[in-house]
Amino acid sequence: MTKQDTTDKLWGGRFTEATDAFVERFTASVDFDRRMYHHDIRGSIAHATMLAKVGVLTEEERDQIINGLREIEAEIEAGAFEWSVKLEDVHMNIEARLTQKIGITGKKLHTGRSRNDQVATDIRLYLRDEVDVIAADLLRLIAALADLAEREADAIMPGFTHLQTAQPVTFGHHMLAWAEMLKRDFSRLLDCRERFNVSPLGAAALAGTTYPIDRQYTSELLGFNGPAENSLDAVSDRDFAIEFCSFASLLMMHLSRFSEELVLWTSAQFNFINLPDRFCTGSSIMPQKKNPDVPELIRGKSGRVSGHLISLLMLMKSQPLAYNKDNQEDKEPLFDAIDTVKGCLKAYGDMMPAVSVNRDSMAESARRGFSTATDLADYLVRKGLPFRDAHEVVGKAVALGVSSGRDLSEMSLEELRQFSMDIDADVFEVLTLEGSVNARNHIGGTAPEQVRAAVVRTREWLKRNTEM
């Protein structure tokens, strides 16, 4: 091989033989990091603008570079750009094309920076844009749950612990429980965004640069909160990607749990809700089937995203400072986590407004399982009976119900009074499902009045966060 064979690479001056063809393919990242082309070009424009400001480039050179980069961006968006594995990644592909277009001036763009700070900047710019999309999708889903909660504020269903009937709750209250979890996920996402929104540009390979760069200026041009404080840290850590995947794993865990409930509730055994046909599929052999494939798939995808979190943690755990080639492996898990979260949030945001509730089925289910037993115990406590004694009285009444196949509300006053003479005719007011949920009329309670008040607060929260 000749020396000329090695200079295809923008870094090839030190090498005496060409890269092995397999190694070239094995180490290339352009097949997946090309999605960051817009952010790479944006970062390069900011860098060139700064270099002209401090006198490293002339204004004419700056304008040549910027115009060339914008032409390249147009080529990429038109599908006319030829990506090359030989040029390894998105950064080198764009830089090589720039030099091809504008000549030697294109080679000046990389002055005062390294691919190390370049890629760290690009990933943050890319992730920041994706976080903003995901944040909007989260707000959309929370708003849909608030609307559904308001619509079904007084629809009664059984509340469960251990998946056993516990106490009556309202469907609206249940939807707002999910909304609260998603609100915390939203908060975690914004916290993550705030922490990673600093600029690595200018950190160069690891130690900074001898050129008189203005890092504060490039930081402002790119919308960062400020430049990263330490050049070693700026290029070597990917904790921001790990933190995003931690957020994503928590969000997907919540969506997985939510999906599990939707799958149960759509079954013939529960029959609590109906999902629109467009979010379900049928069976190739059983014509009666309507399968809740969307929530099932989202439930499955939660493991995929959690796997990406573990992958990134293992990627970083043994790396010395500063940059290592290992960090090329940060992108595919991060990109797939982003894509998966966006897809799942879109599916939920489209699906939940179209959910219909089978009120009669839910109420009938709530009447089974003695869901108002705690209400009877509370009733006896208000009559002066110690709670433990009341608990025993109600347990005996439930035993009678089990043996006779009747709910507490279906027993006569005389039958109930055999367990406690403190029980009077007014007991039936607390043994109804409506009486049970209405009695829990405090902030955080399941009473319809409280559900509607919580919807108002949720919409106020949505307005504050939408206006940010």
Protein backbone atom coordinates (compact mmCIF):
# COMPACT_ATOMS: atom_id res chain seq x y z
CA MET A 1 0.00 0.00 0.00
CA THR A 2 1.24 3.46 -0.78
CA LYS A 3 1.33 6.48 1.49
CA GLN A 4 -1.38 7.98 -0.71
CA ASP A 5 -3.75 5.18 0.32
CA THR A 6 -3.63 6.36 3.94
CA THR A 7 -4.50 10.00 3.31
CA ASP A 8 -8.16 9.33 2.53
CA LYS A 9 -8.58 9.90 6.27
CA LEU A 10 -8.55 13.43 7.58
CA TRP A 11 -6.27 12.13 10.33
CA GLY A 12 -4.09 9.93 8.08
CA GLY A 13 -0.79 11.81 8.18
CA ARG A 14 0.81 9.69 10.91
CA PHE A 15 -0.16 6.33 9.38
CA THR A 16 1.81 4.22 6.91
CA GLU A 17 -0.87 1.77 5.82
CA ALA A 18 -4.57 1.94 5.11
CA THR A 19 -7.16 0.84 7.62
CA ASP A 20 -8.23 -2.79 7.27
CA ALA A 21 -11.53 -2.97 5.39
CA PHE A 22 -13.22 -4.90 8.18
CA VAL A 23 -11.90 -2.52 10.85
CA GLU A 24 -13.14 0.38 8.76
CA ARG A 25 -16.66 -1.01 8.81
CA PHE A 26 -16.40 -2.19 12.40
CA THR A 27 -15.36 1.21 13.79
CA ALA A 28 -17.58 3.39 11.62
CA SER A 29 -20.60 5.08 13.16
CA VAL A 30 -21.95 7.01 10.20
CA ASP A 31 -24.81 4.57 9.66
CA PHE A 32 -26.39 5.66 12.92
CA ASP A 33 -24.88 9.01 13.90
CA ARG A 34 -25.83 10.66 10.60
CA ARG A 35 -29.13 11.55 12.26
CA MET A 36 -27.19 14.31 14.05
CA TYR A 37 -26.26 16.08 10.80
CA HIS A 38 -28.36 19.17 11.56
CA HIS A 39 -26.79 19.57 14.99
CA ASP A 40 -23.29 18.94 13.66
CA ILE A 41 -23.77 21.68 11.09
CA ARG A 42 -25.30 24.00 13.65
CA GLY A 43 -22.32 23.49 15.98
CA SER A 44 -19.86 24.06 13.13
CA ILE A 45 -21.57 27.29 12.12
CA ALA A 46 -21.32 28.54 15.70
CA HIS A 47 -17.66 27.50 15.87
CA ALA A 48 -16.81 29.25 12.57
CA THR A 49 -18.67 32.38 13.67
CA MET A 50 -16.64 32.44 16.89
CA LEU A 51 -13.33 31.86 15.07
CA ALA A 52 -14.03 34.91 12.90
CA LYS A 53 -14.98 36.97 15.96
CA VAL A 54 -11.62 36.26 17.62
CA GLY A 55 -9.64 36.76 14.40
CA VAL A 56 -8.66 33.16 13.64
CA LEU A 57 -10.77 33.22 10.47
CA THR A 58 -11.47 36.16 8.19
CA GLU A 59 -15.07 37.19 7.66
CA GLU A 60 -14.79 35.96 4.06
CA GLU A 61 -13.60 32.54 5.24
CA ARG A 62 -16.39 32.41 7.81
CA ASP A 63 -18.99 33.18 5.17
CA GLN A 64 -17.55 30.57 2.81
CA ILE A 65 -17.73 27.93 5.53
CA ILE A 66 -21.23 28.84 6.65
CA ASN A 67 -22.62 28.96 3.12
CA GLY A 68 -20.93 25.66 2.32
CA LEU A 69 -22.38 24.02 5.43
CA ARG A 70 -25.87 25.24 4.61
CA GLU A 71 -25.57 23.87 1.09
CA ILE A 72 -24.49 20.51 2.55
CA GLU A 73 -27.48 20.54 4.89
CA ALA A 74 -29.75 21.09 1.90
CA GLU A 75 -28.07 18.20 0.08
CA ILE A 76 -28.65 15.90 3.04
CA GLU A 77 -32.29 16.90 3.38
CA ALA A 78 -32.83 16.38 -0.34
CA GLY A 79 -31.30 12.89 -0.12
CA ALA A 80 -28.47 13.89 -2.47
CA PHE A 81 -25.60 13.56 0.01
CA GLU A 82 -23.31 10.54 -0.37
CA TRP A 83 -22.39 9.11 3.02
CA SER A 84 -19.11 7.19 3.19
CA VAL A 85 -18.12 4.54 5.72
CA LYS A 86 -14.49 5.34 4.87
CA LEU A 87 -15.04 8.75 6.50
CA GLU A 88 -16.22 7.01 9.68
CA ASP A 89 -18.85 9.36 11.08
CA VAL A 90 -21.21 12.25 10.45
CA HIS A 91 -18.57 14.81 11.43
CA MET A 92 -15.87 13.67 9.01
CA ASN A 93 -18.36 13.15 6.18
CA ILE A 94 -19.59 16.71 6.45
CA GLU A 95 -16.11 18.19 6.86
CA ALA A 96 -14.77 16.27 3.86
CA ARG A 97 -17.68 17.43 1.73
CA LEU A 98 -17.14 21.01 2.88
CA THR A 99 -13.49 20.90 1.80
CA GLN A 100 -14.57 19.37 -1.49
CA LYS A 101 -16.97 22.26 -2.04
CA ILE A 102 -14.95 25.28 -0.89
CA GLY A 103 -11.37 24.09 -0.99
CA ILE A 104 -8.64 24.77 1.57
CA THR A 105 -10.85 27.08 3.63
CA GLY A 106 -12.90 24.06 4.60
CA LYS A 107 -9.85 22.60 6.32
CA LYS A 108 -9.71 25.62 8.63
CA LEU A 109 -13.08 24.86 10.24
CA HIS A 110 -11.60 22.33 12.65
CA THR A 111 -9.17 24.87 14.10
CA GLY A 112 -9.41 24.97 17.89
CA ARG A 113 -11.65 21.94 18.30
CA SER A 114 -11.52 18.14 18.25
CA ARG A 115 -13.99 15.46 17.29
CA ASN A 116 -14.15 14.81 21.03
CA ASP A 117 -15.75 18.13 21.92
CA GLN A 118 -17.57 18.21 18.59
CA VAL A 119 -19.43 14.96 19.18
CA ALA A 120 -20.11 15.83 22.83
CA THR A 121 -21.68 19.08 21.64
CA ASP A 122 -23.68 17.43 18.86
CA ILE A 123 -25.17 14.81 21.17
CA ARG A 124 -26.28 17.44 23.66
CA LEU A 125 -27.83 19.58 20.94
CA TYR A 126 -29.61 16.56 19.49
CA LEU A 127 -30.80 15.28 22.86
CA ARG A 128 -32.02 18.74 23.88
CA ASP A 129 -34.27 18.96 20.81
CA GLU A 130 -35.60 15.45 21.41
CA VAL A 131 -36.22 16.17 25.10
CA ASP A 132 -38.35 19.16 24.12
CA VAL A 133 -40.45 16.93 21.83
CA ILE A 134 -40.81 14.29 24.55
CA ALA A 135 -41.78 16.93 27.12
CA ALA A 136 -44.57 18.15 24.83
CA ASP A 137 -45.75 14.56 24.28
CA LEU A 138 -45.84 14.00 28.05
CA LEU A 139 -47.93 17.13 28.56
CA ARG A 140 -50.31 15.96 25.84
CA LEU A 141 -50.81 12.60 27.55
CA ILE A 142 -51.31 14.17 30.97
CA ALA A 143 -53.91 16.51 29.46
CA ALA A 144 -55.70 13.52 27.91
CA LEU A 145 -55.80 11.76 31.30
CA ALA A 146 -57.18 14.91 32.94
CA ASP A 147 -59.94 15.09 30.33
CA LEU A 148 -60.77 11.42 30.84
CA ALA A 149 -60.76 11.87 34.62
CA GLU A 150 -63.20 14.75 34.39
CA ARG A 151 -65.47 12.80 32.07
CA GLU A 152 -65.49 9.79 34.40
CA ALA A 153 -65.20 11.60 37.73
CA ASP A 154 -68.16 9.72 39.22
CA ALA A 155 -67.74 6.36 37.47
CA ILE A 156 -67.22 3.80 40.24
CA MET A 157 -64.82 0.89 39.92
CA PRO A 158 -63.18 -1.48 42.39
CA GLY A 159 -59.86 -0.35 43.77
CA PHE A 160 -57.36 -3.16 44.21
CA THR A 161 -54.51 -4.17 46.44
CA HIS A 162 -52.76 -7.46 45.59
CA LEU A 163 -55.16 -7.40 42.59
CA GLN A 164 -57.91 -8.24 45.09
CA THR A 165 -60.95 -6.02 45.56
CA ALA A 166 -60.13 -3.49 48.27
CA GLN A 167 -62.33 -0.36 48.27
CA PRO A 168 -64.45 1.46 45.71
CA VAL A 169 -62.73 4.25 43.83
CA THR A 170 -63.71 6.42 40.91
CA PHE A 171 -62.27 5.85 37.46
CA GLY A 172 -61.37 9.52 37.30
CA HIS A 173 -59.35 9.16 40.51
CA HIS A 174 -57.52 6.20 39.00
CA MET A 175 -56.63 8.15 35.84
CA LEU A 176 -55.26 11.01 37.92
CA ALA A 177 -53.00 8.57 39.77
CA TRP A 178 -51.28 7.90 36.44
CA ALA A 179 -51.22 11.61 35.69
CA GLU A 180 -49.34 12.24 38.94
CA MET A 181 -46.71 9.65 38.03
CA LEU A 182 -46.26 11.21 34.61
CA LYS A 183 -45.97 14.67 36.16
CA ARG A 184 -43.03 13.42 38.21
CA ASP A 185 -41.52 11.91 35.06
CA PHE A 186 -41.89 15.29 33.37
CA SER A 187 -40.12 16.97 36.28
CA ARG A 188 -37.27 14.46 36.06
CA LEU A 189 -36.95 15.14 32.33
CA LEU A 190 -36.67 18.89 32.86
CA ASP A 191 -34.10 18.37 35.62
CA CYS A 192 -32.07 16.23 33.23
CA ARG A 193 -32.30 18.87 30.50
CA GLU A 194 -31.09 21.59 32.85
CA ARG A 195 -28.03 19.59 33.88
CA PHE A 196 -26.85 18.62 30.40
CA ASN A 197 -27.52 22.00 28.77
CA VAL A 198 -23.88 23.12 28.97
CA SER A 199 -21.49 23.46 26.06
CA PRO A 200 -18.46 21.17 25.67
CA LEU A 201 -17.36 23.09 22.55
CA GLY A 202 -13.85 24.44 23.00
CA ALA A 203 -12.73 21.67 25.33
CA ALA A 204 -10.99 20.25 22.23
CA ALA A 205 -9.48 16.78 22.69
CA LEU A 206 -9.20 16.97 26.47
CA ALA A 207 -7.11 19.98 27.60
CA GLY A 208 -8.60 22.94 25.78
CA THR A 209 -6.84 24.81 22.96
CA THR A 210 -4.08 27.37 22.50
CA TYR A 211 -6.25 29.47 20.18
CA PRO A 212 -7.97 32.57 21.65
CA ILE A 213 -11.46 31.06 21.51
CA ASP A 214 -14.54 32.53 23.14
CA ARG A 215 -16.45 29.62 24.68
CA GLN A 216 -19.07 31.84 26.25
CA TYR A 217 -19.94 33.19 22.81
CA THR A 218 -20.37 29.77 21.18
CA SER A 219 -22.38 28.67 24.19
CA GLU A 220 -24.77 31.59 23.67
CA LEU A 221 -24.99 30.99 19.93
CA LEU A 222 -26.05 27.39 20.57
CA GLY A 223 -28.52 28.18 23.35
CA PHE A 224 -26.57 26.52 26.16
CA ASN A 225 -26.70 27.82 29.71
CA GLY A 226 -22.94 28.23 29.64
CA PRO A 227 -19.68 26.45 28.78
CA ALA A 228 -18.70 23.26 30.60
CA GLU A 229 -16.32 24.14 33.43
CA ASN A 230 -13.73 21.41 32.92
CA SER A 231 -12.33 20.30 29.57
CA LEU A 232 -11.64 16.73 30.72
CA ASP A 233 -15.13 16.28 32.05
CA ALA A 234 -16.70 17.96 29.02
CA VAL A 235 -15.45 15.36 26.54
CA SER A 236 -15.30 12.19 28.63
CA ASP A 237 -18.56 11.73 30.55
CA ARG A 238 -21.86 10.55 29.18
CA ASP A 239 -23.76 10.79 32.44
CA PHE A 240 -26.32 13.01 30.72
CA ALA A 241 -27.20 10.15 28.35
CA ILE A 242 -27.38 7.78 31.31
CA GLU A 243 -29.62 10.23 33.17
CA PHE A 244 -31.91 10.52 30.18
CA CYS A 245 -32.15 6.74 29.95
CA SER A 246 -32.86 6.64 33.69
CA PHE A 247 -35.76 9.03 33.13
CA ALA A 248 -36.85 6.96 30.13
CA SER A 249 -36.71 3.73 32.14
CA LEU A 250 -38.88 5.20 34.89
CA LEU A 251 -41.35 6.56 32.37
CA MET A 252 -41.52 3.23 30.53
CA MET A 253 -41.98 1.40 33.84
CA HIS A 254 -45.00 3.62 34.52
CA LEU A 255 -46.37 3.10 31.02
CA SER A 256 -45.80 -0.64 31.40
CA ARG A 257 -47.83 -0.75 34.61
CA PHE A 258 -50.51 1.35 32.97
CA SER A 259 -50.49 -1.00 29.99
CA GLU A 260 -50.91 -4.01 32.26
CA GLU A 261 -54.09 -2.47 33.66
CA LEU A 262 -55.44 -1.64 30.22
CA VAL A 263 -54.79 -5.22 29.10
CA LEU A 264 -56.64 -6.57 32.14
CA TRP A 265 -59.49 -4.08 31.87
CA THR A 266 -60.17 -4.90 28.21
CA SER A 267 -60.46 -8.63 28.90
CA ALA A 268 -63.87 -10.32 29.06
CA GLN A 269 -63.17 -11.15 32.70
CA PHE A 270 -63.00 -7.46 33.61
CA ASN A 271 -64.79 -5.66 30.75
CA PHE A 272 -64.07 -2.25 32.32
CA ILE A 273 -63.05 -0.38 29.16
CA ASN A 274 -63.05 -0.59 25.39
CA LEU A 275 -60.08 0.40 23.27
CA PRO A 276 -60.74 1.71 19.76
CA ASP A 277 -60.40 -0.92 17.04
CA ARG A 278 -57.57 1.06 15.44
CA PHE A 279 -55.35 0.33 18.46
CA CYS A 280 -56.08 -3.42 18.47
CA THR A 281 -55.57 -6.41 16.22
CA GLY A 282 -57.37 -9.69 15.62
CA SER A 283 -56.43 -13.35 15.60
CA SER A 284 -55.58 -15.33 12.50
CA ILE A 285 -57.56 -18.32 13.81
CA MET A 286 -60.05 -17.01 16.39
CA PRO A 287 -62.47 -14.56 14.77
CA GLN A 288 -63.87 -13.28 18.07
CA LYS A 289 -60.54 -11.93 19.30
CA LYS A 290 -59.74 -8.24 19.77
CA ASN A 291 -56.22 -8.07 21.13
CA PRO A 292 -54.86 -4.98 22.95
CA ASP A 293 -51.60 -5.09 21.02
CA VAL A 294 -50.58 -1.47 21.58
CA PRO A 295 -50.47 -1.60 25.39
CA GLU A 296 -48.98 -5.10 25.24
CA LEU A 297 -46.18 -3.91 22.98
CA ILE A 298 -45.51 -0.86 25.14
CA ARG A 299 -45.33 -3.14 28.17
CA GLY A 300 -42.72 -5.18 26.31
CA LYS A 301 -40.72 -2.15 25.19
CA SER A 302 -40.16 -1.10 28.81
CA GLY A 303 -37.56 -3.88 29.11
CA ARG A 304 -35.82 -2.65 25.99
CA VAL A 305 -35.35 0.85 27.42
CA SER A 306 -34.23 -0.43 30.82
CA GLY A 307 -31.68 -2.52 28.94
CA HIS A 308 -30.31 0.64 27.30
CA LEU A 309 -29.85 2.19 30.74
CA ILE A 310 -27.83 -0.79 31.92
CA SER A 311 -25.86 -0.78 28.67
CA LEU A 312 -24.79 2.84 29.17
CA LEU A 313 -23.93 2.30 32.82
CA MET A 314 -21.69 -0.61 31.87
CA LEU A 315 -20.22 1.42 29.01
CA MET A 316 -18.99 4.14 31.37
CA LYS A 317 -18.08 2.21 34.50
CA SER A 318 -14.44 1.38 33.67
CA GLN A 319 -13.37 4.21 31.40
CA PRO A 320 -10.40 6.32 32.44
CA LEU A 321 -10.42 10.02 31.59
CA ALA A 322 -10.71 11.39 29.02
CA TYR A 323 -12.30 10.28 25.74
CA ASN A 324 -12.23 6.60 24.73
CA LYS A 325 -13.55 4.89 21.61
CA ASP A 326 -15.97 3.01 23.89
CA ASN A 327 -18.09 6.15 23.81
CA GLN A 328 -19.07 5.49 20.23
CA GLU A 329 -21.37 2.88 21.80
CA ASP A 330 -23.36 5.59 23.59
CA LYS A 331 -25.39 6.60 20.57
CA GLU A 332 -27.37 3.54 19.54
CA PRO A 333 -28.83 2.89 23.02
CA LEU A 334 -29.57 6.59 23.46
CA PHE A 335 -31.13 6.97 20.02
CA ASP A 336 -33.27 3.86 20.41
CA ALA A 337 -34.42 4.95 23.88
CA ILE A 338 -35.46 8.30 22.42
CA ASP A 339 -37.30 6.68 19.50
CA THR A 340 -39.04 4.17 21.76
CA VAL A 341 -40.21 6.76 24.27
CA LYS A 342 -41.51 9.04 21.53
CA GLY A 343 -43.39 6.19 19.87
CA CYS A 344 -44.96 4.99 23.12
CA LEU A 345 -46.03 8.48 24.16
CA LYS A 346 -47.58 9.11 20.76
CA ALA A 347 -49.49 5.83 20.97
CA TYR A 348 -50.80 6.67 24.43
CA GLY A 349 -51.55 10.27 23.54
CA ASP A 350 -53.65 9.12 20.58
CA MET A 351 -55.29 6.18 22.37
CA MET A 352 -56.41 7.50 25.75
CA PRO A 353 -58.83 10.19 24.51
CA ALA A 354 -60.69 7.45 22.60
CA VAL A 355 -61.06 5.04 25.54
CA SER A 356 -64.67 4.28 26.48
CA VAL A 357 -65.67 3.15 29.96
CA ASN A 358 -68.16 0.38 30.77
CA ARG A 359 -69.66 1.92 33.90
CA ASP A 360 -72.11 -0.88 34.61
CA SER A 361 -69.44 -3.57 34.46
CA MET A 362 -67.14 -1.60 36.75
CA ALA A 363 -69.89 -0.91 39.28
CA GLU A 364 -70.99 -4.56 39.28
CA SER A 365 -67.41 -5.63 39.88
CA ALA A 366 -67.10 -3.12 42.73
CA ARG A 367 -70.18 -4.64 44.35
CA ARG A 368 -68.41 -7.98 44.47
CA GLY A 369 -65.63 -8.63 46.93
CA PHE A 370 -67.10 -6.67 49.88
CA SER A 371 -65.44 -3.43 48.83
CA THR A 372 -67.39 -1.42 51.44
CA ALA A 373 -66.21 -3.54 54.40
CA THR A 374 -63.85 -0.80 55.58
CA ASP A 375 -66.72 1.68 55.44
CA LEU A 376 -68.69 -0.53 57.84
CA ALA A 377 -65.69 -0.68 60.18
CA ASP A 378 -65.35 3.12 60.07
CA TYR A 379 -69.07 3.42 60.77
CA LEU A 380 -68.70 1.32 63.91
CA VAL A 381 -65.69 3.33 65.05
CA ARG A 382 -67.78 6.50 64.77
CA LYS A 383 -70.31 4.74 67.00
CA GLY A 384 -67.60 4.36 69.65
CA LEU A 385 -66.30 0.86 68.97
CA PRO A 386 -62.48 0.46 68.98
CA PHE A 387 -61.19 -0.15 65.46
CA ARG A 388 -59.82 -3.63 66.23
CA ASP A 389 -63.20 -4.69 67.61
CA ALA A 390 -64.92 -3.14 64.61
CA HIS A 391 -62.52 -5.04 62.34
CA GLU A 392 -63.56 -8.33 63.98
CA VAL A 393 -67.29 -7.52 63.70
CA VAL A 394 -66.99 -6.74 60.00
CA GLY A 395 -64.91 -9.88 59.42
CA LYS A 396 -67.73 -11.98 60.82
CA ALA A 397 -70.27 -10.16 58.67
CA VAL A 398 -68.12 -10.78 55.60
CA ALA A 399 -67.91 -14.47 56.50
CA LEU A 400 -71.70 -14.59 56.45
CA GLY A 401 -71.70 -12.86 53.09
CA VAL A 402 -69.22 -15.36 51.69
CA SER A 403 -71.26 -18.31 52.89
CA SER A 404 -74.55 -16.88 51.62
CA GLY A 405 -73.24 -15.33 48.42
CA ARG A 406 -74.36 -11.78 49.30
CA ASP A 407 -72.72 -8.40 49.64
CA LEU A 408 -72.96 -6.51 52.94
CA SER A 409 -75.41 -4.07 51.39
CA GLU A 410 -77.71 -7.01 50.53
CA MET A 411 -78.07 -8.17 54.12
CA SER A 412 -80.96 -7.13 56.32
CA LEU A 413 -80.52 -4.85 59.32
CA GLU A 414 -81.35 -7.74 61.61
CA GLU A 415 -78.62 -9.89 60.10
CA LEU A 416 -76.06 -7.17 60.55
CA ARG A 417 -77.13 -6.40 64.12
CA GLN A 418 -76.36 -9.97 65.18
CA PHE A 419 -72.71 -8.95 64.94
CA SER A 420 -73.10 -5.58 66.71
CA MET A 421 -76.05 -3.80 68.25
CA ASP A 422 -74.36 -0.50 67.33
CA ILE A 423 -75.49 -1.01 63.75
CA ASP A 424 -78.60 1.01 62.91
CA ALA A 425 -80.68 1.66 59.79
CA ASP A 426 -78.37 4.48 58.68
CA VAL A 427 -75.66 1.88 58.00
CA PHE A 428 -76.95 1.38 54.46
CA GLU A 429 -75.92 4.92 53.59
CA VAL A 430 -72.26 3.90 53.99
CA LEU A 431 -72.62 0.45 52.45
CA THR A 432 -73.48 1.81 49.00
CA LEU A 433 -70.72 2.37 46.48
CA GLU A 434 -71.75 6.00 46.05
CA GLY A 435 -71.72 6.57 49.78
CA SER A 436 -68.28 5.02 50.05
CA VAL A 437 -66.59 7.18 47.42
CA ASN A 438 -68.43 10.36 48.41
CA ALA A 439 -67.30 9.91 52.02
CA ARG A 440 -63.65 10.26 50.97
CA ASN A 441 -64.05 13.94 50.30
CA HIS A 442 -60.63 15.40 51.04
CA ILE A 443 -57.61 16.43 48.95
CA GLY A 444 -56.24 13.28 47.36
CA GLY A 445 -59.48 11.38 48.01
CA THR A 446 -61.56 9.51 45.46
CA ALA A 447 -64.79 11.50 45.87
CA PRO A 448 -66.06 12.90 42.54
CA GLU A 449 -65.90 16.42 43.97
CA GLN A 450 -62.22 15.94 44.77
CA VAL A 451 -61.50 14.38 41.38
CA ARG A 452 -62.95 17.43 39.62
CA ALA A 453 -60.93 19.74 41.86
CA ALA A 454 -57.79 17.73 41.10
CA VAL A 455 -58.49 18.03 37.38
CA VAL A 456 -58.56 21.81 37.77
CA ARG A 457 -55.21 21.73 39.57
CA THR A 458 -53.75 19.46 36.93
CA ARG A 459 -54.82 21.82 34.17
CA GLU A 460 -53.26 24.72 36.05
CA TRP A 461 -50.05 22.69 36.28
CA LEU A 462 -50.26 21.95 32.55
CA LYS A 463 -50.70 25.63 31.75
CA ARG A 464 -47.67 26.61 33.85
CA ASN A 465 -45.47 24.01 32.22
CA THR A 466 -46.73 24.65 28.70
CA GLU A 467 -45.83 28.31 29.05
CA MET A 468 -42.25 27.57 30.17
